[in-house]
Amino acid sequence: NFENDLPVQLEERFVNPSLIPDYDKQDFSKTATYDYLMQKTPVTEVEHIISAIPADAETARHLGIDVGACCLFLHRRTWTGAVVATISKLTYAGSRYSLGSRYSPSKSS
């Protein structure tokens, strides 16, 4: 994936064909993969595992960075009920990505 003609993300996504059988026939230059998936199946659970990894030669080539440069790796799984719907492996050039969150802690009674 690119932003302002600069590669920012390398994406590898596996989609459960029993839930979304026509996924491989879509033109994702016109529709974002996430938007398409949300239209096709409800996501009931999401898991994110985030790691810092060094870029291997292939990743460095795709992202236009040096071999060994720091990358952010996100392993994401989504479920529809008890069935895994997607598995995504997303690698970001560390210098082109930041991670943040905002939440409200639950109050104990």
Protein backbone atom coordinates (compact mmCIF):
# COMPACT_ATOMS: atom_id res chain seq x y z
CA ASN A 1 0.00 0.00 0.00
CA PHE A 2 1.18 3.49 -0.88
CA GLU A 3 0.65 6.98 0.50
CA ASN A 4 1.74 9.91 -1.67
CA ASP A 5 3.58 7.45 -3.96
CA LEU A 6 5.63 6.17 -1.01
CA PRO A 7 5.34 2.51 0.02
CA VAL A 8 4.12 2.32 3.62
CA GLN A 9 2.68 -1.17 4.02
CA LEU A 10 3.28 -4.67 2.77
CA GLU A 11 0.09 -6.71 3.12
CA GLU A 12 -0.49 -10.44 3.02
CA ARG A 13 -4.13 -11.41 3.62
CA PHE A 14 -5.79 -14.81 3.76
CA VAL A 15 -9.57 -14.86 3.40
CA ASN A 16 -11.77 -17.81 4.35
CA PRO A 17 -13.37 -18.82 1.02
CA SER A 18 -16.33 -20.48 2.75
CA LEU A 19 -17.34 -17.08 4.14
CA ILE A 20 -16.32 -14.86 1.20
CA PRO A 21 -16.12 -17.06 -1.91
CA ASP A 22 -15.82 -14.24 -4.49
CA TYR A 23 -13.04 -12.30 -2.74
CA ASP A 24 -10.38 -13.17 -5.34
CA LYS A 25 -12.56 -11.84 -8.17
CA GLN A 26 -12.77 -8.26 -6.83
CA ASP A 27 -11.04 -5.19 -8.24
CA PHE A 28 -9.45 -3.68 -5.14
CA SER A 29 -8.19 -0.66 -7.06
CA LYS A 30 -11.81 0.56 -6.82
CA THR A 31 -12.81 -0.71 -3.36
CA ALA A 32 -10.67 -1.02 -0.24
CA THR A 33 -10.26 -4.59 0.96
CA TYR A 34 -11.48 -3.70 4.45
CA ASP A 35 -14.64 -2.02 3.14
CA TYR A 36 -15.42 -4.98 0.90
CA LEU A 37 -14.92 -7.50 3.70
CA MET A 38 -17.15 -5.53 6.10
CA GLN A 39 -19.93 -5.52 3.49
CA LYS A 40 -19.70 -9.29 3.03
CA THR A 41 -19.47 -10.70 6.54
CA PRO A 42 -19.94 -9.36 10.06
CA VAL A 43 -16.79 -9.32 12.17
CA THR A 44 -17.50 -10.37 15.74
CA GLU A 45 -13.96 -10.49 17.10
CA VAL A 46 -10.53 -9.07 16.17
CA GLU A 47 -7.09 -10.03 17.48
CA HIS A 48 -3.97 -7.88 16.98
CA ILE A 49 -0.44 -8.99 17.79
CA ILE A 50 2.15 -6.25 17.17
CA SER A 51 5.91 -6.79 16.95
CA ALA A 52 9.02 -4.88 15.93
CA ILE A 53 10.99 -6.80 13.30
CA PRO A 54 13.99 -6.13 11.02
CA ALA A 55 13.29 -5.88 7.30
CA ASP A 56 14.45 -8.88 5.31
CA ALA A 57 15.63 -8.40 1.71
CA GLU A 58 12.19 -8.86 0.12
CA THR A 59 10.43 -6.57 2.59
CA ALA A 60 13.14 -3.93 2.20
CA ARG A 61 12.78 -4.05 -1.59
CA HIS A 62 8.98 -3.65 -1.48
CA LEU A 63 9.03 -0.87 1.11
CA GLY A 64 12.07 0.95 -0.30
CA ILE A 65 14.06 0.70 2.93
CA ASP A 66 17.39 -0.80 3.96
CA VAL A 67 17.72 -4.47 4.87
CA GLY A 68 17.60 -4.64 8.66
CA ALA A 69 15.65 -1.40 9.03
CA CYS A 70 13.07 -1.52 11.80
CA CYS A 71 9.53 -2.46 10.78
CA LEU A 72 6.26 -2.70 12.64
CA PHE A 73 4.58 -6.08 12.07
CA LEU A 74 0.87 -6.52 12.76
CA HIS A 75 -0.63 -10.01 12.77
CA ARG A 76 -4.42 -9.66 12.67
CA ARG A 77 -7.10 -12.33 12.84
CA THR A 78 -10.82 -11.69 12.51
CA TRP A 79 -13.71 -13.99 13.32
CA THR A 80 -17.33 -14.27 12.26
CA GLY A 81 -18.84 -16.13 15.18
CA ALA A 82 -16.55 -19.09 15.89
CA VAL A 83 -15.08 -19.13 12.36
CA VAL A 84 -11.82 -17.38 11.41
CA ALA A 85 -12.74 -15.02 8.56
CA THR A 86 -9.35 -13.46 7.76
CA ILE A 87 -5.70 -13.61 8.72
CA SER A 88 -3.63 -10.57 7.81
CA LYS A 89 0.11 -10.02 8.04
CA LEU A 90 0.84 -6.31 7.71
CA THR A 91 4.40 -4.96 7.67
CA TYR A 92 5.02 -1.22 7.93
CA ALA A 93 8.24 0.71 7.43
CA GLY A 94 9.00 1.77 11.00
CA SER A 95 9.94 5.31 9.98
CA ARG A 96 6.59 5.77 8.19
CA TYR A 97 4.18 4.56 10.84
CA SER A 98 3.14 5.36 14.37
CA LEU A 99 0.85 3.49 16.70
CA GLY A 100 -1.43 5.06 19.26
CA SER A 101 -4.59 4.33 21.18
CA ARG A 102 -7.18 5.99 23.34
CA TYR A 103 -9.47 4.21 25.73
CA SER A 104 -11.52 4.62 28.87
CA PRO A 105 -10.69 2.14 31.60
CA SER A 106 -13.72 0.39 33.05
CA LYS A 107 -14.67 1.45 36.54
CA SER A 108 -14.89 -1.26 39.16
CA SER A 109 -17.91 -1.23 41.45
